[in-house]
N, C-alpha and C. Protein backbone atom coordinates (compact mmCIF):
# COMPACT_ATOMS: atom_id res chain seq x y z
N MET A 1 137.31 75.08 120.99
CA MET A 1 135.93 74.94 121.45
C MET A 1 135.02 74.64 120.25
N ASN A 2 134.10 73.73 120.44
CA ASN A 2 133.13 73.41 119.42
C ASN A 2 132.34 74.65 119.05
N ALA A 3 132.24 74.92 117.73
CA ALA A 3 131.53 76.13 117.27
C ALA A 3 130.09 76.12 117.72
N LEU A 4 129.49 74.94 117.79
CA LEU A 4 128.09 74.84 118.20
C LEU A 4 127.90 75.28 119.64
N ALA A 5 128.94 75.08 120.45
CA ALA A 5 128.86 75.46 121.87
C ALA A 5 128.78 76.97 122.05
N GLN A 6 129.18 77.72 121.05
CA GLN A 6 129.15 79.17 121.14
C GLN A 6 127.80 79.76 120.72
N VAL A 7 126.93 78.92 120.20
CA VAL A 7 125.61 79.39 119.77
C VAL A 7 124.68 79.41 120.98
N PRO A 8 123.94 80.51 121.20
CA PRO A 8 123.04 80.58 122.36
C PRO A 8 122.03 79.44 122.37
N ALA A 9 121.72 78.98 123.57
CA ALA A 9 120.79 77.86 123.71
C ALA A 9 119.42 78.18 123.11
N ASP A 10 118.96 79.41 123.28
CA ASP A 10 117.65 79.78 122.73
C ASP A 10 117.63 79.67 121.21
N PHE A 11 118.75 80.04 120.57
CA PHE A 11 118.79 79.96 119.11
C PHE A 11 118.87 78.51 118.67
N LEU A 12 119.62 77.69 119.39
CA LEU A 12 119.66 76.26 119.07
C LEU A 12 118.28 75.64 119.20
N HIS A 13 117.56 76.05 120.24
CA HIS A 13 116.21 75.54 120.42
C HIS A 13 115.33 75.95 119.24
N ALA A 14 115.47 77.21 118.80
CA ALA A 14 114.68 77.69 117.67
C ALA A 14 115.00 76.88 116.40
N LEU A 15 116.27 76.58 116.17
CA LEU A 15 116.66 75.79 115.02
C LEU A 15 116.03 74.40 115.07
N GLY A 16 116.01 73.83 116.26
CA GLY A 16 115.40 72.52 116.42
C GLY A 16 113.91 72.53 116.11
N THR A 17 113.22 73.60 116.50
CA THR A 17 111.79 73.67 116.22
C THR A 17 111.53 73.86 114.72
N LEU A 18 112.42 74.56 114.03
CA LEU A 18 112.25 74.70 112.59
C LEU A 18 112.33 73.34 111.90
N ARG A 19 113.22 72.50 112.40
CA ARG A 19 113.36 71.18 111.79
C ARG A 19 112.10 70.34 111.94
N LYS A 20 111.31 70.60 112.95
CA LYS A 20 110.09 69.83 113.18
C LYS A 20 108.93 70.27 112.30
N ALA A 21 109.09 71.38 111.62
CA ALA A 21 107.99 71.92 110.82
C ALA A 21 107.56 70.93 109.74
N GLN A 22 106.26 70.77 109.59
CA GLN A 22 105.68 69.90 108.57
C GLN A 22 105.19 70.76 107.41
N CYS A 23 105.93 70.75 106.31
CA CYS A 23 105.60 71.58 105.16
C CYS A 23 105.10 70.72 104.01
N ARG A 24 104.27 71.30 103.16
CA ARG A 24 103.69 70.57 102.05
C ARG A 24 104.78 70.10 101.07
N ASN A 25 104.51 68.96 100.41
CA ASN A 25 105.49 68.40 99.49
C ASN A 25 105.73 69.27 98.27
N GLU A 26 104.74 70.11 97.92
CA GLU A 26 104.94 70.99 96.76
C GLU A 26 105.99 72.06 97.04
N LEU A 27 106.29 72.27 98.31
CA LEU A 27 107.22 73.32 98.72
C LEU A 27 108.63 72.75 98.78
N ARG A 28 109.53 73.30 97.98
CA ARG A 28 110.94 72.92 98.04
C ARG A 28 111.64 73.88 98.98
N LEU A 29 112.05 73.38 100.09
CA LEU A 29 112.60 74.21 101.16
C LEU A 29 114.05 73.83 101.40
N ALA A 30 114.94 74.82 101.40
CA ALA A 30 116.37 74.56 101.63
C ALA A 30 116.99 75.78 102.29
N GLU A 31 118.04 75.55 103.07
CA GLU A 31 118.71 76.67 103.70
C GLU A 31 119.50 77.45 102.67
N ILE A 32 119.51 78.77 102.81
CA ILE A 32 120.26 79.68 101.96
C ILE A 32 121.12 80.55 102.85
N PRO A 33 122.11 81.27 102.30
CA PRO A 33 122.94 82.13 103.15
C PRO A 33 122.10 83.15 103.91
N ALA A 34 122.36 83.26 105.19
CA ALA A 34 121.60 84.19 106.03
C ALA A 34 122.27 85.56 106.05
N PRO A 35 121.50 86.62 106.18
CA PRO A 35 122.10 87.96 106.27
C PRO A 35 122.95 88.07 107.52
N SER A 36 124.08 88.76 107.41
CA SER A 36 125.02 88.83 108.53
C SER A 36 124.94 90.13 109.31
N ARG A 37 124.21 91.11 108.79
CA ARG A 37 124.20 92.43 109.43
C ARG A 37 122.94 92.73 110.21
N LEU A 38 121.95 91.87 110.10
CA LEU A 38 120.67 92.16 110.75
C LEU A 38 120.64 91.73 112.21
N ALA A 39 121.43 90.72 112.55
CA ALA A 39 121.42 90.20 113.92
C ALA A 39 122.67 89.36 114.13
N PRO A 40 123.09 89.16 115.40
CA PRO A 40 124.26 88.32 115.67
C PRO A 40 124.09 86.89 115.19
N TYR A 41 122.85 86.38 115.22
CA TYR A 41 122.58 85.01 114.81
C TYR A 41 121.38 85.02 113.86
N ALA A 42 121.47 84.23 112.82
CA ALA A 42 120.39 84.19 111.84
C ALA A 42 120.44 82.89 111.06
N VAL A 43 119.28 82.46 110.61
CA VAL A 43 119.18 81.32 109.70
C VAL A 43 118.14 81.71 108.65
N ALA A 44 118.40 81.34 107.40
CA ALA A 44 117.49 81.71 106.31
C ALA A 44 117.13 80.47 105.49
N LEU A 45 115.88 80.39 105.12
CA LEU A 45 115.37 79.31 104.29
C LEU A 45 114.76 79.89 103.02
N GLY A 46 115.03 79.25 101.90
CA GLY A 46 114.42 79.65 100.64
C GLY A 46 113.39 78.61 100.24
N ALA A 47 112.29 79.07 99.65
CA ALA A 47 111.23 78.16 99.25
C ALA A 47 110.83 78.41 97.81
N GLU A 48 110.49 77.35 97.11
CA GLU A 48 109.97 77.42 95.75
C GLU A 48 108.80 76.45 95.66
N VAL A 49 107.79 76.84 94.90
CA VAL A 49 106.66 75.96 94.64
C VAL A 49 106.58 75.76 93.14
N PHE A 50 106.53 74.50 92.73
CA PHE A 50 106.45 74.15 91.32
C PHE A 50 105.13 73.44 91.05
N ARG A 51 104.69 73.52 89.83
CA ARG A 51 103.40 72.94 89.46
C ARG A 51 103.38 71.42 89.64
N GLN A 52 104.48 70.75 89.28
CA GLN A 52 104.54 69.30 89.40
C GLN A 52 105.77 68.92 90.19
N SER A 53 105.71 69.17 91.50
CA SER A 53 106.85 68.87 92.36
C SER A 53 106.63 67.56 93.08
N THR A 54 107.64 66.71 93.03
CA THR A 54 107.56 65.44 93.75
C THR A 54 108.59 65.35 94.85
N HIS A 55 109.38 66.44 95.03
CA HIS A 55 110.43 66.40 96.04
C HIS A 55 109.86 66.73 97.40
N PRO A 56 110.23 66.00 98.43
CA PRO A 56 109.77 66.33 99.78
C PRO A 56 110.45 67.58 100.29
N GLY A 57 109.93 68.11 101.40
CA GLY A 57 110.56 69.27 102.02
C GLY A 57 112.00 68.97 102.39
N ARG A 58 112.86 69.97 102.33
CA ARG A 58 114.28 69.75 102.56
C ARG A 58 114.70 70.09 103.98
N THR A 59 115.78 69.45 104.37
CA THR A 59 116.42 69.77 105.64
C THR A 59 117.62 70.67 105.37
N PRO A 60 117.78 71.77 106.09
CA PRO A 60 118.94 72.65 105.86
C PRO A 60 120.25 71.88 105.93
N VAL A 61 121.17 72.19 105.02
CA VAL A 61 122.41 71.43 104.97
C VAL A 61 123.64 72.31 105.10
N HIS A 62 123.48 73.59 105.42
CA HIS A 62 124.62 74.48 105.54
C HIS A 62 124.52 75.28 106.83
N GLY A 63 125.65 75.82 107.26
CA GLY A 63 125.66 76.81 108.34
C GLY A 63 125.25 76.27 109.69
N PRO A 64 124.84 77.17 110.59
CA PRO A 64 124.51 76.77 111.97
C PRO A 64 123.33 75.83 112.05
N ALA A 65 122.40 75.94 111.09
CA ALA A 65 121.26 75.03 111.12
C ALA A 65 121.71 73.60 110.90
N ALA A 66 122.64 73.39 110.00
CA ALA A 66 123.11 72.04 109.71
C ALA A 66 123.76 71.42 110.93
N MET A 67 124.45 72.22 111.74
CA MET A 67 125.11 71.69 112.93
C MET A 67 124.10 71.24 113.96
N ALA A 68 122.94 71.89 113.97
CA ALA A 68 121.93 71.55 114.96
C ALA A 68 121.04 70.41 114.50
N PHE A 69 120.99 70.17 113.18
CA PHE A 69 120.09 69.16 112.64
C PHE A 69 120.87 67.88 112.34
N SER A 70 120.15 66.77 112.26
CA SER A 70 120.78 65.51 111.88
C SER A 70 120.97 65.48 110.38
N ASN A 71 121.67 64.44 109.89
CA ASN A 71 121.96 64.35 108.46
C ASN A 71 120.93 63.53 107.69
N GLU A 72 119.88 63.12 108.36
CA GLU A 72 118.90 62.31 107.65
C GLU A 72 118.10 63.17 106.68
N ASN A 73 117.73 62.57 105.57
CA ASN A 73 116.92 63.23 104.55
C ASN A 73 117.60 64.44 103.94
N VAL A 74 118.93 64.45 103.90
CA VAL A 74 119.63 65.57 103.29
C VAL A 74 119.59 65.41 101.77
N PRO A 75 119.12 66.42 101.03
CA PRO A 75 119.02 66.29 99.58
C PRO A 75 120.38 66.39 98.91
N GLY A 76 120.50 65.81 97.77
CA GLY A 76 121.73 65.90 96.99
C GLY A 76 121.57 66.89 95.86
N PRO A 77 122.67 67.12 95.12
CA PRO A 77 122.61 68.08 94.03
C PRO A 77 121.68 67.66 92.91
N ALA A 78 121.30 66.38 92.86
CA ALA A 78 120.39 65.92 91.82
C ALA A 78 119.00 66.49 91.98
N ASP A 79 118.74 67.13 93.14
CA ASP A 79 117.43 67.71 93.38
C ASP A 79 117.20 68.99 92.60
N ALA A 80 118.18 69.43 91.82
CA ALA A 80 117.99 70.65 91.05
C ALA A 80 116.77 70.51 90.16
N ALA A 81 116.00 71.58 90.06
CA ALA A 81 114.72 71.51 89.35
C ALA A 81 114.93 71.34 87.85
N ASP A 82 114.18 70.39 87.27
CA ASP A 82 114.19 70.22 85.83
C ASP A 82 113.08 71.05 85.18
N ASP A 83 112.18 71.56 86.02
CA ASP A 83 111.00 72.24 85.49
C ASP A 83 110.91 73.65 86.04
N GLU A 84 112.01 74.40 85.94
CA GLU A 84 112.03 75.73 86.51
C GLU A 84 111.00 76.64 85.88
N ASP A 85 110.63 76.37 84.62
CA ASP A 85 109.63 77.19 83.96
C ASP A 85 108.27 77.06 84.62
N ASP A 86 108.08 76.03 85.43
CA ASP A 86 106.79 75.80 86.09
C ASP A 86 106.77 76.33 87.52
N GLU A 87 107.73 77.17 87.86
CA GLU A 87 107.74 77.75 89.19
C GLU A 87 106.52 78.64 89.38
N LEU A 88 105.81 78.43 90.48
CA LEU A 88 104.59 79.17 90.75
C LEU A 88 104.78 80.28 91.77
N ALA A 89 105.66 80.06 92.72
CA ALA A 89 105.90 81.07 93.76
C ALA A 89 107.25 80.82 94.39
N THR A 90 107.81 81.86 94.97
CA THR A 90 109.11 81.75 95.64
C THR A 90 109.07 82.61 96.89
N GLY A 91 109.96 82.31 97.83
CA GLY A 91 109.95 83.09 99.06
C GLY A 91 111.18 82.84 99.91
N ARG A 92 111.32 83.66 100.95
CA ARG A 92 112.42 83.53 101.91
C ARG A 92 111.85 83.67 103.32
N PHE A 93 112.39 82.87 104.21
CA PHE A 93 112.01 82.91 105.63
C PHE A 93 113.30 83.06 106.43
N ILE A 94 113.43 84.15 107.17
CA ILE A 94 114.65 84.43 107.93
C ILE A 94 114.31 84.56 109.41
N LEU A 95 115.01 83.80 110.23
CA LEU A 95 114.85 83.90 111.68
C LEU A 95 116.08 84.57 112.26
N LEU A 96 115.88 85.72 112.90
CA LEU A 96 116.96 86.50 113.50
C LEU A 96 116.93 86.35 115.01
N HIS A 97 118.12 86.41 115.61
CA HIS A 97 118.19 86.32 117.08
C HIS A 97 119.28 87.25 117.60
N ASP A 98 118.90 88.08 118.55
CA ASP A 98 119.84 88.95 119.27
C ASP A 98 119.65 88.70 120.76
N PRO A 99 120.61 88.03 121.42
CA PRO A 99 120.46 87.72 122.85
C PRO A 99 120.22 88.95 123.71
N ASP A 100 120.67 90.11 123.26
CA ASP A 100 120.47 91.34 124.02
C ASP A 100 119.10 91.96 123.79
N GLY A 101 118.35 91.41 122.87
CA GLY A 101 117.03 91.95 122.58
C GLY A 101 117.10 93.20 121.73
N SER A 102 115.96 93.59 121.22
CA SER A 102 115.86 94.77 120.36
C SER A 102 114.56 95.50 120.67
N ALA A 103 114.67 96.80 120.91
CA ALA A 103 113.46 97.60 121.17
C ALA A 103 112.58 97.65 119.93
N VAL A 104 113.20 97.64 118.75
CA VAL A 104 112.42 97.67 117.52
C VAL A 104 111.64 96.37 117.34
N TRP A 105 112.28 95.26 117.67
CA TRP A 105 111.61 93.98 117.55
C TRP A 105 110.61 93.73 118.67
N ASP A 106 110.87 94.34 119.82
CA ASP A 106 110.11 94.03 121.04
C ASP A 106 110.36 92.57 121.45
N GLY A 107 111.63 92.17 121.40
CA GLY A 107 111.97 90.79 121.76
C GLY A 107 113.37 90.44 121.32
N GLU A 108 113.73 89.17 121.51
CA GLU A 108 115.05 88.68 121.14
C GLU A 108 115.07 87.99 119.78
N PHE A 109 113.88 87.69 119.25
CA PHE A 109 113.77 87.03 117.95
C PHE A 109 112.95 87.91 117.01
N ARG A 110 113.22 87.76 115.72
CA ARG A 110 112.43 88.42 114.70
C ARG A 110 112.38 87.54 113.47
N ILE A 111 111.22 87.41 112.89
CA ILE A 111 111.04 86.65 111.65
C ILE A 111 110.81 87.63 110.52
N VAL A 112 111.60 87.50 109.46
CA VAL A 112 111.49 88.36 108.29
C VAL A 112 111.19 87.47 107.09
N THR A 113 110.14 87.80 106.34
CA THR A 113 109.73 86.93 105.24
C THR A 113 109.49 87.71 103.95
N TYR A 114 109.50 86.95 102.87
CA TYR A 114 109.27 87.50 101.53
C TYR A 114 108.59 86.42 100.71
N ILE A 115 107.56 86.80 99.95
CA ILE A 115 106.88 85.87 99.04
C ILE A 115 106.60 86.62 97.74
N ARG A 116 106.81 85.94 96.62
CA ARG A 116 106.51 86.53 95.32
C ARG A 116 105.87 85.50 94.41
N ALA A 117 104.85 85.93 93.64
CA ALA A 117 104.20 85.05 92.68
C ALA A 117 103.69 85.89 91.52
N GLN A 118 103.58 85.26 90.35
CA GLN A 118 103.06 85.92 89.16
C GLN A 118 101.58 85.61 89.03
N LEU A 119 100.78 86.64 88.72
CA LEU A 119 99.33 86.50 88.71
C LEU A 119 98.75 86.75 87.33
N GLU A 120 97.49 86.37 87.19
CA GLU A 120 96.74 86.77 86.02
C GLU A 120 96.48 88.27 86.09
N ALA A 121 96.37 88.90 84.94
CA ALA A 121 96.24 90.35 84.90
C ALA A 121 95.02 90.85 85.67
N ASP A 122 93.87 90.16 85.54
CA ASP A 122 92.67 90.66 86.22
C ASP A 122 92.81 90.59 87.73
N MET A 123 93.46 89.54 88.22
CA MET A 123 93.68 89.43 89.66
C MET A 123 94.72 90.45 90.13
N GLY A 124 95.77 90.64 89.35
CA GLY A 124 96.82 91.57 89.73
C GLY A 124 96.36 93.01 89.77
N ASN A 125 95.32 93.35 89.00
CA ASN A 125 94.81 94.72 88.97
C ASN A 125 93.78 94.99 90.06
N ASP A 126 93.47 94.01 90.85
CA ASP A 126 92.51 94.19 91.93
C ASP A 126 93.09 95.11 92.99
N ALA A 127 92.41 96.23 93.25
CA ALA A 127 92.92 97.22 94.21
C ALA A 127 93.01 96.67 95.62
N MET A 128 92.28 95.62 95.92
CA MET A 128 92.27 95.05 97.27
C MET A 128 93.30 93.94 97.46
N LEU A 129 94.07 93.66 96.42
CA LEU A 129 94.97 92.51 96.48
C LEU A 129 95.96 92.61 97.64
N GLY A 130 96.55 93.78 97.85
CA GLY A 130 97.53 93.93 98.92
C GLY A 130 96.96 93.63 100.29
N SER A 131 95.79 94.22 100.58
CA SER A 131 95.18 94.00 101.89
C SER A 131 94.74 92.56 102.06
N VAL A 132 94.31 91.93 100.97
CA VAL A 132 93.92 90.53 101.04
C VAL A 132 95.13 89.66 101.34
N ALA A 133 96.26 89.94 100.68
CA ALA A 133 97.48 89.16 100.92
C ALA A 133 97.92 89.27 102.37
N TRP A 134 97.83 90.48 102.95
CA TRP A 134 98.19 90.66 104.36
C TRP A 134 97.24 89.88 105.26
N THR A 135 95.96 89.92 104.93
CA THR A 135 94.98 89.18 105.73
C THR A 135 95.26 87.69 105.70
N TRP A 136 95.68 87.18 104.54
CA TRP A 136 96.01 85.76 104.46
C TRP A 136 97.17 85.41 105.37
N LEU A 137 98.15 86.29 105.46
CA LEU A 137 99.29 86.02 106.35
C LEU A 137 98.83 85.98 107.80
N VAL A 138 98.05 86.96 108.20
CA VAL A 138 97.55 87.00 109.58
C VAL A 138 96.71 85.76 109.87
N ASP A 139 95.84 85.40 108.93
CA ASP A 139 94.99 84.22 109.13
C ASP A 139 95.82 82.95 109.22
N ALA A 140 96.89 82.86 108.41
CA ALA A 140 97.74 81.66 108.45
C ALA A 140 98.42 81.52 109.81
N LEU A 141 98.92 82.63 110.36
CA LEU A 141 99.54 82.59 111.68
C LEU A 141 98.54 82.18 112.74
N GLU A 142 97.34 82.73 112.64
CA GLU A 142 96.32 82.40 113.63
C GLU A 142 95.87 80.95 113.51
N SER A 143 95.74 80.45 112.27
CA SER A 143 95.28 79.07 112.09
C SER A 143 96.29 78.06 112.61
N HIS A 144 97.56 78.45 112.65
CA HIS A 144 98.60 77.56 113.19
C HIS A 144 98.91 77.87 114.66
N SER A 145 98.14 78.76 115.24
CA SER A 145 98.34 79.16 116.65
C SER A 145 99.77 79.65 116.87
N ALA A 146 100.28 80.40 115.90
CA ALA A 146 101.63 80.97 116.01
C ALA A 146 101.51 82.34 116.68
N GLN A 147 101.84 82.40 117.95
CA GLN A 147 101.70 83.63 118.71
C GLN A 147 102.79 84.63 118.29
N TYR A 148 102.39 85.90 118.10
CA TYR A 148 103.34 86.90 117.62
C TYR A 148 102.90 88.29 118.07
N ARG A 149 103.79 89.25 117.84
CA ARG A 149 103.49 90.66 118.11
C ARG A 149 104.34 91.54 117.18
N ALA A 150 104.03 92.82 117.18
CA ALA A 150 104.80 93.82 116.41
C ALA A 150 104.95 93.42 114.95
N ALA A 151 103.85 93.03 114.32
CA ALA A 151 103.90 92.62 112.92
C ALA A 151 103.77 93.83 112.00
N GLY A 152 104.44 93.76 110.87
CA GLY A 152 104.34 94.81 109.86
C GLY A 152 104.74 94.27 108.51
N GLY A 153 104.34 94.97 107.46
CA GLY A 153 104.70 94.48 106.15
C GLY A 153 104.21 95.37 105.02
N THR A 154 104.63 95.06 103.81
CA THR A 154 104.20 95.78 102.62
C THR A 154 103.87 94.79 101.52
N ALA A 155 102.86 95.12 100.73
CA ALA A 155 102.48 94.32 99.56
C ALA A 155 102.69 95.19 98.32
N THR A 156 103.35 94.64 97.32
CA THR A 156 103.68 95.40 96.13
C THR A 156 103.26 94.65 94.88
N ARG A 157 102.62 95.36 93.96
CA ARG A 157 102.29 94.79 92.66
C ARG A 157 103.28 95.32 91.64
N ILE A 158 103.84 94.42 90.82
CA ILE A 158 104.88 94.79 89.86
C ILE A 158 104.42 94.46 88.45
N LEU A 159 104.29 95.47 87.60
CA LEU A 159 103.91 95.29 86.21
C LEU A 159 105.17 95.24 85.35
N SER A 160 105.32 94.18 84.58
CA SER A 160 106.48 94.04 83.69
C SER A 160 106.01 94.10 82.24
N GLU A 161 106.59 95.03 81.48
CA GLU A 161 106.30 95.17 80.05
C GLU A 161 107.58 94.96 79.26
N SER A 162 107.46 94.36 78.09
CA SER A 162 108.62 94.07 77.25
C SER A 162 108.57 94.90 75.97
N PHE A 163 109.76 95.26 75.46
CA PHE A 163 109.84 96.12 74.29
C PHE A 163 110.93 95.60 73.34
N GLY A 164 110.98 96.20 72.15
CA GLY A 164 111.98 95.82 71.17
C GLY A 164 111.86 94.38 70.75
N THR A 165 112.98 93.67 70.78
CA THR A 165 112.96 92.27 70.36
C THR A 165 112.15 91.37 71.29
N LEU A 166 111.80 91.90 72.46
CA LEU A 166 111.00 91.13 73.43
C LEU A 166 109.55 91.60 73.46
N ALA A 167 109.16 92.42 72.49
CA ALA A 167 107.84 93.05 72.52
C ALA A 167 106.70 92.04 72.47
N GLU A 168 106.95 90.85 71.94
CA GLU A 168 105.89 89.86 71.83
C GLU A 168 105.57 89.18 73.16
N ARG A 169 106.42 89.38 74.12
CA ARG A 169 106.14 88.79 75.43
C ARG A 169 104.93 89.47 76.06
N PRO A 170 104.03 88.70 76.67
CA PRO A 170 102.86 89.32 77.30
C PRO A 170 103.24 90.08 78.58
N GLU A 171 102.41 91.04 78.94
CA GLU A 171 102.61 91.73 80.20
C GLU A 171 102.42 90.75 81.35
N THR A 172 103.17 90.94 82.42
CA THR A 172 103.02 90.11 83.61
C THR A 172 102.85 91.00 84.84
N ILE A 173 102.13 90.49 85.79
CA ILE A 173 101.94 91.20 87.05
C ILE A 173 102.33 90.26 88.19
N ASP A 174 103.27 90.70 89.01
CA ASP A 174 103.70 89.93 90.17
C ASP A 174 103.20 90.59 91.44
N ILE A 175 102.96 89.79 92.46
CA ILE A 175 102.64 90.29 93.79
C ILE A 175 103.78 89.92 94.72
N GLU A 176 104.26 90.86 95.49
CA GLU A 176 105.29 90.62 96.50
C GLU A 176 104.76 91.00 97.87
N LEU A 177 104.98 90.15 98.82
CA LEU A 177 104.63 90.45 100.20
C LEU A 177 105.89 90.34 101.05
N ARG A 178 106.27 91.45 101.67
CA ARG A 178 107.39 91.48 102.61
C ARG A 178 106.82 91.75 103.99
N ALA A 179 107.13 90.89 104.94
CA ALA A 179 106.54 91.03 106.26
C ALA A 179 107.52 90.57 107.33
N SER A 180 107.34 91.09 108.53
CA SER A 180 108.15 90.66 109.67
C SER A 180 107.31 90.72 110.92
N TRP A 181 107.66 89.88 111.87
CA TRP A 181 106.96 89.87 113.15
C TRP A 181 107.85 89.23 114.20
N THR A 182 107.49 89.44 115.45
CA THR A 182 108.25 88.90 116.58
C THR A 182 107.51 87.70 117.17
N PRO A 183 108.09 86.51 117.11
CA PRO A 183 107.42 85.35 117.71
C PRO A 183 107.40 85.48 119.23
N ALA A 184 106.38 84.91 119.84
CA ALA A 184 106.21 85.05 121.28
C ALA A 184 107.24 84.25 122.07
N SER A 185 107.91 83.29 121.41
CA SER A 185 108.91 82.47 122.09
C SER A 185 109.94 82.02 121.07
N SER A 186 110.88 81.17 121.50
CA SER A 186 111.89 80.65 120.58
C SER A 186 111.37 79.47 119.76
N ASP A 187 110.13 79.07 119.97
CA ASP A 187 109.53 77.98 119.21
C ASP A 187 109.01 78.55 117.89
N ALA A 188 109.70 78.26 116.80
CA ALA A 188 109.35 78.84 115.50
C ALA A 188 108.66 77.84 114.57
N GLN A 189 108.34 76.66 115.05
CA GLN A 189 107.76 75.64 114.18
C GLN A 189 106.47 76.11 113.53
N ALA A 190 105.52 76.59 114.34
CA ALA A 190 104.23 77.00 113.80
C ALA A 190 104.37 78.19 112.85
N HIS A 191 105.37 79.03 113.10
CA HIS A 191 105.58 80.20 112.24
C HIS A 191 106.05 79.77 110.85
N LEU A 192 106.97 78.80 110.80
CA LEU A 192 107.44 78.32 109.50
C LEU A 192 106.32 77.59 108.77
N GLU A 193 105.53 76.81 109.49
CA GLU A 193 104.42 76.10 108.86
C GLU A 193 103.39 77.08 108.31
N ALA A 194 103.09 78.13 109.06
CA ALA A 194 102.13 79.14 108.59
C ALA A 194 102.66 79.84 107.34
N TRP A 195 103.94 80.21 107.38
CA TRP A 195 104.53 80.90 106.23
C TRP A 195 104.57 79.99 105.01
N SER A 196 104.91 78.73 105.19
CA SER A 196 104.97 77.81 104.05
C SER A 196 103.59 77.64 103.43
N ASP A 197 102.55 77.64 104.24
CA ASP A 197 101.20 77.58 103.70
C ASP A 197 100.90 78.83 102.87
N MET A 198 101.41 79.98 103.33
CA MET A 198 101.21 81.21 102.59
C MET A 198 101.88 81.15 101.21
N VAL A 199 103.09 80.58 101.14
CA VAL A 199 103.76 80.46 99.86
C VAL A 199 102.92 79.62 98.91
N CYS A 200 102.36 78.53 99.41
CA CYS A 200 101.51 77.68 98.59
C CYS A 200 100.23 78.40 98.19
N THR A 201 99.71 79.23 99.07
CA THR A 201 98.52 80.01 98.75
C THR A 201 98.81 80.98 97.61
N PHE A 202 99.96 81.64 97.69
CA PHE A 202 100.36 82.55 96.62
C PHE A 202 100.49 81.79 95.30
N ALA A 203 100.91 80.54 95.36
CA ALA A 203 101.05 79.74 94.15
C ALA A 203 99.72 79.27 93.61
N GLY A 204 98.64 79.50 94.37
CA GLY A 204 97.31 79.08 93.93
C GLY A 204 97.02 77.62 94.15
N LEU A 205 97.73 76.99 95.08
CA LEU A 205 97.54 75.56 95.31
C LEU A 205 96.44 75.31 96.34
N PRO A 206 95.52 74.40 96.08
CA PRO A 206 94.56 73.99 97.09
C PRO A 206 95.22 72.96 98.00
N PRO A 207 94.67 72.58 99.16
CA PRO A 207 93.45 73.17 99.71
C PRO A 207 93.75 74.47 100.45
N LEU A 208 92.71 75.26 100.62
CA LEU A 208 92.81 76.53 101.33
C LEU A 208 91.76 76.55 102.43
N PRO A 209 91.92 77.43 103.41
CA PRO A 209 90.91 77.53 104.47
C PRO A 209 89.54 77.85 103.88
N PRO A 210 88.47 77.44 104.53
CA PRO A 210 87.12 77.72 104.03
C PRO A 210 86.92 79.21 103.77
N GLY A 211 86.34 79.51 102.61
CA GLY A 211 86.03 80.90 102.30
C GLY A 211 87.15 81.66 101.63
N VAL A 212 88.32 81.04 101.43
CA VAL A 212 89.45 81.71 100.81
C VAL A 212 89.53 81.33 99.34
N THR A 213 89.63 82.32 98.46
CA THR A 213 89.74 82.08 97.03
C THR A 213 91.21 82.06 96.63
N PRO A 214 91.67 81.03 95.91
CA PRO A 214 93.09 80.96 95.53
C PRO A 214 93.44 82.02 94.49
N LEU A 215 94.69 82.49 94.52
CA LEU A 215 95.19 83.35 93.46
C LEU A 215 95.28 82.53 92.19
N ARG A 216 94.83 83.10 91.07
CA ARG A 216 94.90 82.38 89.79
C ARG A 216 96.24 82.70 89.16
N ASN A 217 97.18 81.81 89.38
CA ASN A 217 98.52 82.02 88.86
C ASN A 217 98.53 81.82 87.36
N ARG A 218 99.25 82.68 86.63
CA ARG A 218 99.31 82.59 85.17
C ARG A 218 99.75 81.21 84.71
N ARG A 219 100.71 80.64 85.42
CA ARG A 219 101.30 79.40 84.96
C ARG A 219 100.49 78.17 85.35
N LEU A 220 99.35 78.38 85.99
CA LEU A 220 98.46 77.26 86.26
C LEU A 220 97.52 77.03 85.09
N THR A 221 97.39 78.01 84.20
CA THR A 221 96.43 77.92 83.09
C THR A 221 97.13 77.58 81.80
């Protein structure tokens, strides 16, 4: 039996909607290994934002997503970044599916995300940074009309100090946002687009919604 035939129709539909997502060119998006213990079916995407990225958004090329997607616009190994030092933000987007549903999720699907970026010290020390980052996520979902419920998450600031032979390295402050929510349907396109905008926001890339101040990323200066 064809392996694709064993995948639930709802999950195949969700994979198809992910492929339709229109993400910014600064975002390098590719499928990564999905967690195997969180749900019977899962697909995971990794994202990176670089200061001078010319690569278009990627189409997943591995696992169940690859079987559902066509082979057009598949990136080759030459797409490896030459400017990794200019990475501004990174993240993961995981779509989980349990046909039996989950009381914890309040549904059959769950989106789990992670975003991390390095900030300037003055911005990283802002006591309101965590709540602002969460507000940006909520606003991004709303601006893309991505219907959801049962959302939750944590924002963490990480101070890194160097000692000994590395003592000359400056202190760095990173912001991490881990969040999850239940999409209202198997259509995940708007959710991926909203999340990808959030990754770019963390990287400090314009344009942003009116009234939103970009994070001043250390590596932008």
